[in-house]
């Protein structure tokens, strides 16, 4: 091999070695950069934000105002004016009952009241007005007869003194006056007796009878009105339980609670009867805001408010829960009675605090509660470092860091080492 060939081969080998070293170094740098970038993806900055502490429960939608319509009168339904889903207002006629019996009772009560009124008037005037008139006339006649007898006696007495009349005529005239006086006294006595026959007790008893007759008349008039059943509230007919021709029983009678004709509810304001676990009930207060969701509208939320918290719990299967009433404005009437609802009661809100994901918090035997932050080893490579922190509250998605970490610091959120003791969790922790 000539010297020139050996030189070319040597130069080629040198060039190849240089290129190999160059590309090897380049690829090694790329690998290191890729590895470092991959390690950086395990960390995310601590952010500042808000936490809502919520309590979740389920319940049933029901109208806040719900009325069961019953009749105060018994009878057969003659007309029915409602159907399910119909909107009604106060005063709308729901049904009419057959009123034949009520009409007969009303007529009888009217006649009885009139009779009692006439009887009282007669007692006050006397038992027989004609008799009283006749007796009064007898008294007046007796008075006139007495006056005439006295005048006749006076004239006979003058004639007797002048001896123009006999003693017999004079005595007859005197007896005539005496008889007239007796007749007047008897007529006055009969009149007084007739008037005195009506006692105050009789009049009082007659007045009471008239009052009772008037009460019966008012009741008969009311029964006529009860046969026309009207709506008491503004709302919607939820259910109808009777038809034309059905017989209904009065709710005021002695045969149970009476027949329910229909149910009417105001659907513009509904409530949810939610069941809350006893662990969470201590944080529920009247007036708290509530987020409501129903399956019928999976992408929408409705706002409500806690209206009542029942003080008596209920136990089932060893678990005690308490009823919480959540009131929801339903002006658009999209929430329907008996829908199943999920409620989220906002028990508290913490604002503008440093937050980290809930599942990155760990516990350490030496430091206590920790998170892993981004650090470096002696060669400048990324290395997770333990950082002791003081926790605030958590909604089990994010956790508040009160001390030990600042906003923007990189916290390990992937491949986080497990705790050396049990992990942070369980109930909401509040410092």
Protein backbone atom coordinates (compact mmCIF):
# COMPACT_ATOMS: atom_id res chain seq x y z
CA UNK A 1 0.00 0.00 0.00
CA UNK A 2 1.41 3.30 -1.01
CA UNK A 3 2.11 6.04 1.46
CA UNK A 4 -0.55 8.34 0.03
CA UNK A 5 -3.28 5.71 0.44
CA UNK A 6 -2.32 5.17 4.07
CA UNK A 7 -2.58 8.92 4.68
CA UNK A 8 -6.09 9.08 3.15
CA UNK A 9 -7.25 6.14 5.27
CA UNK A 10 -5.83 7.71 8.42
CA UNK A 11 -7.56 11.03 7.70
CA UNK A 12 -10.87 9.25 7.03
CA UNK A 13 -10.62 7.40 10.33
CA UNK A 14 -9.92 10.64 12.18
CA UNK A 15 -12.90 12.38 10.53
CA UNK A 16 -15.19 9.43 11.31
CA UNK A 17 -14.10 9.45 14.96
CA UNK A 18 -14.72 13.18 15.24
CA UNK A 19 -18.18 12.90 13.67
CA UNK A 20 -19.06 9.94 15.87
CA UNK A 21 -18.01 11.83 18.98
CA UNK A 22 -19.93 14.91 17.85
CA UNK A 23 -23.20 13.11 17.14
CA UNK A 24 -22.87 10.97 20.25
CA UNK A 25 -22.47 14.10 22.33
CA UNK A 26 -25.44 15.73 20.57
CA UNK A 27 -27.73 12.76 21.11
CA UNK A 28 -26.58 12.46 24.71
CA UNK A 29 -27.55 16.09 25.26
CA UNK A 30 -30.91 15.47 23.68
CA UNK A 31 -31.50 12.48 25.93
CA UNK A 32 -30.55 14.49 29.01
CA UNK A 33 -32.84 17.35 27.95
CA UNK A 34 -35.70 14.92 27.28
CA UNK A 35 -35.19 13.25 30.61
CA UNK A 36 -35.08 16.56 32.41
CA UNK A 37 -38.22 17.70 30.62
CA UNK A 38 -39.94 14.46 31.60
CA UNK A 39 -38.94 14.99 35.20
CA UNK A 40 -40.29 18.56 35.07
CA UNK A 41 -43.71 17.22 34.04
CA UNK A 42 -44.04 15.59 37.45
CA UNK A 43 -44.17 19.03 39.07
CA UNK A 44 -46.77 21.78 38.97
CA UNK A 45 -46.82 25.19 40.65
CA UNK A 46 -48.82 25.78 43.80
CA UNK A 47 -51.70 28.06 42.88
CA UNK A 48 -53.78 30.64 44.70
CA UNK A 49 -57.51 30.18 44.66
CA UNK A 50 -60.71 29.46 46.59
CA UNK A 51 -62.12 26.35 48.27
CA UNK A 52 -65.78 25.64 48.82
CA UNK A 53 -66.49 23.22 51.62
CA UNK A 54 -69.55 21.31 50.51
CA UNK A 55 -71.82 18.59 51.85
CA UNK A 56 -73.39 16.27 49.32
CA UNK A 57 -76.75 14.56 49.70
CA UNK A 58 -79.72 13.35 47.68
CA UNK A 59 -83.40 13.99 48.02
CA UNK A 60 -86.77 14.27 46.32
CA UNK A 61 -88.35 17.34 44.73
CA UNK A 62 -91.73 18.22 46.18
CA UNK A 63 -93.99 21.29 46.05
CA UNK A 64 -93.63 23.64 48.99
CA UNK A 65 -97.40 24.22 49.04
CA UNK A 66 -99.58 21.18 48.39
CA UNK A 67 -103.32 20.94 49.09
CA UNK A 68 -105.63 17.93 49.14
CA UNK A 69 -109.08 19.11 48.08
CA UNK A 70 -112.02 17.56 49.96
CA UNK A 71 -115.72 18.34 50.17
CA UNK A 72 -117.50 19.52 53.29
CA UNK A 73 -120.73 18.15 51.82
CA UNK A 74 -121.63 14.58 50.89
CA UNK A 75 -123.27 13.68 47.62
CA UNK A 76 -122.87 12.58 44.03
CA UNK A 77 -120.58 14.51 41.69
CA UNK A 78 -122.74 16.18 39.06
CA UNK A 79 -120.06 18.24 37.28
CA UNK A 80 -116.23 18.01 37.29
CA UNK A 81 -114.19 20.86 35.81
CA UNK A 82 -110.53 19.83 36.28
CA UNK A 83 -107.90 17.53 34.79
CA UNK A 84 -104.31 16.64 35.63
CA UNK A 85 -101.81 19.35 34.73
CA UNK A 86 -104.43 22.10 34.61
CA UNK A 87 -103.53 25.48 36.10
CA UNK A 88 -106.07 26.87 38.55
CA UNK A 89 -106.51 30.02 40.63
CA UNK A 90 -108.45 30.73 43.84
CA UNK A 91 -112.19 30.66 43.21
CA UNK A 92 -112.11 28.31 40.22
CA UNK A 93 -114.91 25.73 40.51
CA UNK A 94 -113.50 22.22 40.84
CA UNK A 95 -116.72 20.24 41.08
CA UNK A 96 -120.45 20.51 41.75
CA UNK A 97 -122.43 17.99 43.76
CA UNK A 98 -126.07 17.01 43.30
CA UNK A 99 -127.90 19.67 45.34
CA UNK A 100 -131.42 18.22 45.53
CA UNK A 101 -131.12 17.27 49.20
CA UNK A 102 -129.51 20.59 50.04
CA UNK A 103 -132.35 22.47 48.35
CA UNK A 104 -134.98 20.55 50.35
CA UNK A 105 -133.13 21.19 53.60
CA UNK A 106 -132.84 24.88 52.77
CA UNK A 107 -136.58 25.17 52.04
CA UNK A 108 -137.44 23.41 55.29
CA UNK A 109 -135.12 25.67 57.26
CA UNK A 110 -136.61 28.78 55.66
CA UNK A 111 -140.15 27.71 56.59
CA UNK A 112 -139.15 26.81 60.13
CA UNK A 113 -137.46 30.19 60.65
CA UNK A 114 -140.53 32.00 59.38
CA UNK A 115 -142.82 30.00 61.70
CA UNK A 116 -140.67 30.76 64.75
CA UNK A 117 -140.65 34.44 63.90
CA UNK A 118 -144.45 34.59 63.64
CA UNK A 119 -144.87 32.73 66.92
CA UNK A 120 -142.63 35.19 68.72
CA UNK A 121 -144.58 38.13 67.29
CA UNK A 122 -147.83 36.59 68.51
CA UNK A 123 -146.47 36.10 72.01
CA UNK A 124 -145.32 39.66 72.19
CA UNK A 125 -148.76 40.91 71.02
CA UNK A 126 -150.77 38.31 72.91
CA UNK A 127 -151.97 34.80 72.29
CA UNK A 128 -154.92 36.04 70.13
CA UNK A 129 -154.95 39.55 68.76
CA UNK A 130 -158.65 39.32 67.89
CA UNK A 131 -159.45 38.36 71.45
CA UNK A 132 -157.55 41.35 72.75
CA UNK A 133 -159.40 43.67 70.37
CA UNK A 134 -162.72 42.20 71.44
CA UNK A 135 -161.93 42.55 75.13
CA UNK A 136 -160.77 46.10 74.67
CA UNK A 137 -164.03 46.81 72.86
CA UNK A 138 -165.97 45.26 75.75
CA UNK A 139 -164.22 47.57 78.21
CA UNK A 140 -165.09 50.62 76.11
CA UNK A 141 -168.71 49.48 75.84
CA UNK A 142 -168.90 48.94 79.60
CA UNK A 143 -167.55 52.45 80.19
CA UNK A 144 -170.23 53.94 77.92
CA UNK A 145 -172.94 51.90 79.65
CA UNK A 146 -171.74 53.13 83.03
CA UNK A 147 -171.80 56.75 81.86
CA UNK A 148 -175.36 56.34 80.56
CA UNK A 149 -176.47 54.61 83.77
CA UNK A 150 -175.01 57.41 85.87
CA UNK A 151 -176.69 60.06 83.70
CA UNK A 152 -180.02 58.22 83.99
CA UNK A 153 -179.60 57.94 87.77
CA UNK A 154 -178.93 61.67 88.05
CA UNK A 155 -182.04 62.54 86.07
CA UNK A 156 -184.23 60.09 88.01
CA UNK A 157 -182.81 61.44 91.25
CA UNK A 158 -183.92 64.97 90.31
CA UNK A 159 -187.37 63.76 89.39
CA UNK A 160 -187.56 61.67 92.56
CA UNK A 161 -186.75 64.73 94.70
CA UNK A 162 -189.58 66.61 93.03
CA UNK A 163 -191.76 63.53 93.43
CA UNK A 164 -192.13 63.15 89.68
CA UNK A 165 -190.59 59.68 89.88
CA UNK A 166 -191.44 56.78 92.11
CA UNK A 167 -189.10 55.21 94.63
CA UNK A 168 -189.12 52.04 92.60
CA UNK A 169 -187.86 53.88 89.53
CA UNK A 170 -185.18 55.58 91.60
CA UNK A 171 -184.00 52.27 93.07
CA UNK A 172 -183.95 50.67 89.60
CA UNK A 173 -181.74 53.49 88.36
CA UNK A 174 -179.32 53.01 91.26
CA UNK A 175 -179.15 49.25 90.59
CA UNK A 176 -178.45 50.06 86.93
CA UNK A 177 -175.38 52.09 87.89
CA UNK A 178 -174.12 49.34 90.17
CA UNK A 179 -174.60 46.75 87.45
CA UNK A 180 -172.74 48.93 84.95
CA UNK A 181 -169.81 49.30 87.34
CA UNK A 182 -169.69 45.55 87.82
CA UNK A 183 -169.79 44.98 84.05
CA UNK A 184 -166.88 47.44 83.52
CA UNK A 185 -164.84 45.82 86.26
CA UNK A 186 -165.39 42.38 84.75
CA UNK A 187 -164.45 43.58 81.25
CA UNK A 188 -161.25 45.21 82.54
CA UNK A 189 -160.40 42.07 84.53
CA UNK A 190 -160.79 39.85 81.47
CA UNK A 191 -158.58 42.16 79.41
CA UNK A 192 -155.91 42.23 82.11
CA UNK A 193 -156.06 38.46 82.43
CA UNK A 194 -155.59 37.95 78.71
CA UNK A 195 -152.56 40.26 78.62
CA UNK A 196 -150.99 38.68 81.70
CA UNK A 197 -151.21 35.14 80.24
CA UNK A 198 -147.94 35.75 78.18
CA UNK A 199 -145.02 35.47 80.63
CA UNK A 200 -141.46 36.83 80.06
CA UNK A 201 -140.20 33.24 80.17
CA UNK A 202 -142.47 32.30 77.28
CA UNK A 203 -141.16 35.19 75.22
CA UNK A 204 -137.53 34.26 76.05
CA UNK A 205 -138.08 30.63 75.05
CA UNK A 206 -139.65 31.75 71.78
CA UNK A 207 -136.67 34.02 71.05
CA UNK A 208 -134.27 31.09 71.61
CA UNK A 209 -136.31 28.93 69.26
CA UNK A 210 -136.09 31.64 66.62
CA UNK A 211 -132.29 31.85 67.04
CA UNK A 212 -131.96 28.08 66.64
CA UNK A 213 -134.11 28.22 63.51
CA UNK A 214 -131.86 30.92 62.09
CA UNK A 215 -128.72 28.85 62.81
CA UNK A 216 -130.30 25.91 61.01
CA UNK A 217 -131.12 28.19 58.09
CA UNK A 218 -127.51 29.45 57.91
CA UNK A 219 -126.23 25.88 57.98
CA UNK A 220 -128.59 24.92 55.16
CA UNK A 221 -127.41 27.92 53.14
CA UNK A 222 -123.78 26.94 53.79
CA UNK A 223 -124.47 23.37 52.70
CA UNK A 224 -125.79 24.74 49.44
CA UNK A 225 -122.45 26.54 48.99
CA UNK A 226 -120.46 23.46 50.08
CA UNK A 227 -121.99 21.55 47.19
CA UNK A 228 -119.96 23.85 44.89
CA UNK A 229 -116.29 23.00 45.58
CA UNK A 230 -113.81 25.76 44.73
CA UNK A 231 -110.04 25.98 44.48
CA UNK A 232 -108.35 27.67 47.49
CA UNK A 233 -104.89 28.37 45.99
CA UNK A 234 -103.08 29.22 42.78
CA UNK A 235 -101.37 26.15 41.40
CA UNK A 236 -101.48 23.08 39.19
CA UNK A 237 -103.63 19.96 39.47
CA UNK A 238 -101.20 17.13 40.26
CA UNK A 239 -103.71 14.31 40.58
CA UNK A 240 -107.47 13.74 40.19
CA UNK A 241 -109.11 10.92 42.14
CA UNK A 242 -112.82 11.13 41.20
CA UNK A 243 -115.06 11.21 38.16
CA UNK A 244 -118.60 12.43 37.38
CA UNK A 245 -121.09 10.15 39.11
CA UNK A 246 -118.82 9.21 42.01
CA UNK A 247 -120.19 9.68 45.50
CA UNK A 248 -118.05 11.71 47.89
CA UNK A 249 -118.17 11.68 51.69
CA UNK A 250 -117.99 14.86 53.72
CA UNK A 251 -114.70 15.66 55.42
CA UNK A 252 -116.60 17.07 58.41
CA UNK A 253 -118.67 13.97 59.04
CA UNK A 254 -118.04 11.04 61.32
CA UNK A 255 -117.03 8.62 58.57
CA UNK A 256 -113.28 9.14 58.45
CA UNK A 257 -111.37 11.91 56.72
CA UNK A 258 -113.69 12.23 53.76
CA UNK A 259 -113.12 11.77 50.03
CA UNK A 260 -110.15 13.48 48.36
CA UNK A 261 -111.19 14.91 45.01
CA UNK A 262 -107.76 16.07 43.81
CA UNK A 263 -104.34 17.43 44.80
CA UNK A 264 -103.25 20.92 43.83
CA UNK A 265 -99.73 22.33 44.29
CA UNK A 266 -97.87 25.56 43.64
CA UNK A 267 -94.97 24.44 41.45
CA UNK A 268 -93.32 27.86 41.23
CA UNK A 269 -91.62 27.23 44.58
CA UNK A 270 -90.42 23.72 45.36
CA UNK A 271 -88.38 22.13 48.11
CA UNK A 272 -86.05 19.17 48.33
CA UNK A 273 -86.18 16.88 51.33
CA UNK A 274 -82.52 15.87 51.49
CA UNK A 275 -81.00 13.28 53.81
CA UNK A 276 -77.66 14.38 55.36
CA UNK A 277 -75.33 12.07 57.28
CA UNK A 278 -74.91 12.81 60.98
CA UNK A 279 -71.15 13.35 60.44
CA UNK A 280 -71.92 16.42 58.31
CA UNK A 281 -75.11 17.74 59.90
CA UNK A 282 -73.18 19.90 62.40
CA UNK A 283 -71.94 22.11 59.55
CA UNK A 284 -75.38 22.67 58.01
CA UNK A 285 -77.10 25.95 58.84
CA UNK A 286 -80.27 27.66 57.72
CA UNK A 287 -79.58 30.15 54.93
CA UNK A 288 -76.64 28.32 53.34
CA UNK A 289 -76.49 28.29 49.55
CA UNK A 290 -77.19 24.98 47.81
CA UNK A 291 -76.41 23.74 44.30
CA UNK A 292 -79.07 21.36 42.94
CA UNK A 293 -78.78 18.97 40.01
CA UNK A 294 -81.37 16.61 38.50
CA UNK A 295 -80.97 13.87 35.90
CA UNK A 296 -83.47 15.55 33.57
CA UNK A 297 -81.05 18.47 33.04
CA UNK A 298 -77.54 16.97 33.40
CA UNK A 299 -75.72 20.09 32.17
CA UNK A 300 -77.59 22.58 34.36
CA UNK A 301 -77.53 23.60 37.99
CA UNK A 302 -80.28 25.15 40.08
CA UNK A 303 -79.72 27.39 43.09
CA UNK A 304 -81.41 26.79 46.42
CA UNK A 305 -81.10 27.69 50.08
CA UNK A 306 -81.31 25.69 53.30
CA UNK A 307 -84.70 26.52 54.84
CA UNK A 308 -84.92 24.03 57.70
CA UNK A 309 -82.85 21.42 59.53
CA UNK A 310 -84.85 18.73 61.32
CA UNK A 311 -83.79 18.21 64.90
CA UNK A 312 -84.87 14.55 65.00
CA UNK A 313 -82.68 12.09 63.14
CA UNK A 314 -83.67 8.79 61.53
CA UNK A 315 -81.70 5.54 61.78
CA UNK A 316 -81.60 2.89 59.08
CA UNK A 317 -79.11 0.05 58.83
CA UNK A 318 -77.04 1.48 61.66
CA UNK A 319 -76.65 4.84 59.88
CA UNK A 320 -78.24 7.98 61.29
CA UNK A 321 -79.23 10.81 58.98
CA UNK A 322 -81.08 14.09 59.34
CA UNK A 323 -83.61 15.70 57.01
CA UNK A 324 -82.64 19.07 55.52
CA UNK A 325 -85.23 21.11 53.62
CA UNK A 326 -83.79 22.98 50.63
CA UNK A 327 -85.99 25.62 49.02
CA UNK A 328 -85.59 26.21 45.27
CA UNK A 329 -87.13 28.89 43.07
CA UNK A 330 -88.92 27.09 40.24
CA UNK A 331 -90.48 30.01 38.39
CA UNK A 332 -89.84 28.30 35.04
CA UNK A 333 -91.50 25.15 36.45
CA UNK A 334 -88.93 22.77 35.04
CA UNK A 335 -88.46 20.93 38.32
CA UNK A 336 -91.32 18.47 38.66
CA UNK A 337 -92.72 16.78 41.73
CA UNK A 338 -91.00 13.50 42.73
CA UNK A 339 -87.81 14.15 40.68
CA UNK A 340 -84.65 12.78 42.31
CA UNK A 341 -82.18 15.57 43.06
CA UNK A 342 -78.52 15.74 44.08
CA UNK A 343 -77.76 18.63 46.40
CA UNK A 344 -74.44 20.20 47.32
CA UNK A 345 -74.67 22.38 50.41
CA UNK A 346 -71.97 25.06 50.53
CA UNK A 347 -71.03 24.95 54.21
CA UNK A 348 -68.12 27.43 53.95
CA UNK A 349 -65.90 29.22 51.41
CA UNK A 350 -62.20 30.00 51.88
CA UNK A 351 -60.86 32.58 49.41
CA UNK A 352 -57.44 33.59 48.08
CA UNK A 353 -55.34 30.83 49.65
CA UNK A 354 -52.40 28.71 48.42
CA UNK A 355 -53.70 25.39 47.06
CA UNK A 356 -52.21 22.04 46.10
CA UNK A 357 -54.00 18.92 44.83
CA UNK A 358 -55.50 16.90 47.68
CA UNK A 359 -53.72 13.63 46.79
CA UNK A 360 -50.17 15.07 46.85
CA UNK A 361 -50.15 15.59 50.61
CA UNK A 362 -48.25 12.95 52.57
CA UNK A 363 -47.23 12.29 56.17
CA UNK A 364 -43.73 11.66 57.42
CA UNK A 365 -42.54 10.12 60.70
CA UNK A 366 -40.05 12.92 61.30
CA UNK A 367 -41.58 16.02 59.67
CA UNK A 368 -45.27 15.28 60.00
CA UNK A 369 -47.39 16.60 57.12
CA UNK A 370 -45.35 17.16 53.95
CA UNK A 371 -45.43 17.76 50.23
CA UNK A 372 -42.64 17.05 47.78
CA UNK A 373 -41.15 20.10 46.05
CA UNK A 374 -38.70 20.32 43.18
CA UNK A 375 -35.04 20.32 44.26
CA UNK A 376 -31.57 19.43 42.86
CA UNK A 377 -28.86 17.00 43.82
CA UNK A 378 -25.11 17.81 43.93
CA UNK A 379 -24.85 17.31 40.16
CA UNK A 380 -27.72 19.70 39.43
CA UNK A 381 -30.18 16.99 38.59
CA UNK A 382 -33.85 17.23 39.58
CA UNK A 383 -34.58 15.67 42.94
CA UNK A 384 -37.87 15.74 44.95
CA UNK A 385 -37.43 17.24 48.40
CA UNK A 386 -39.68 16.91 51.44
CA UNK A 387 -41.28 20.14 52.65
CA UNK A 388 -43.10 20.38 55.97
CA UNK A 389 -46.40 22.24 55.60
CA UNK A 390 -49.36 23.31 57.73
CA UNK A 391 -52.70 22.44 56.26
CA UNK A 392 -55.91 24.40 56.31
CA UNK A 393 -59.12 23.06 54.80
CA UNK A 394 -59.79 20.67 51.96
CA UNK A 395 -62.67 19.88 49.64
CA UNK A 396 -60.97 16.57 48.75
CA UNK A 397 -59.96 17.99 45.36
CA UNK A 398 -57.62 20.72 46.64
CA UNK A 399 -56.03 21.42 50.01
CA UNK A 400 -55.14 24.75 51.55
CA UNK A 401 -51.48 25.26 52.55
CA UNK A 402 -51.35 27.75 55.42
CA UNK A 403 -47.58 27.61 56.05
CA UNK A 404 -44.48 26.11 54.41
CA UNK A 405 -45.23 26.74 50.75
CA UNK A 406 -45.55 29.83 48.60
CA UNK A 407 -47.59 30.45 45.50
CA UNK A 408 -45.71 29.38 42.35
CA UNK A 409 -43.40 26.85 44.03
CA UNK A 410 -43.22 23.60 42.10
CA UNK A 411 -44.89 20.69 43.89
CA UNK A 412 -44.62 17.06 42.86
CA UNK A 413 -48.00 15.96 41.53
CA UNK A 414 -47.09 12.70 39.70
CA UNK A 415 -45.34 9.60 40.98
CA UNK A 416 -45.46 11.04 44.51
CA UNK A 417 -43.80 8.70 47.03
CA UNK A 418 -46.17 7.04 49.48
CA UNK A 419 -46.31 8.18 53.10
CA UNK A 420 -44.22 6.42 55.69
CA UNK A 421 -47.31 6.58 57.89
CA UNK A 422 -51.01 6.72 56.95
CA UNK A 423 -51.90 9.32 54.32
CA UNK A 424 -53.67 12.58 55.02
CA UNK A 425 -57.38 12.20 54.48
CA UNK A 426 -60.66 11.46 56.12
CA UNK A 427 -62.60 14.41 57.42
CA UNK A 428 -62.12 18.05 56.57
CA UNK A 429 -59.36 19.50 58.66
CA UNK A 430 -59.65 23.09 59.85
CA UNK A 431 -56.88 24.87 61.69
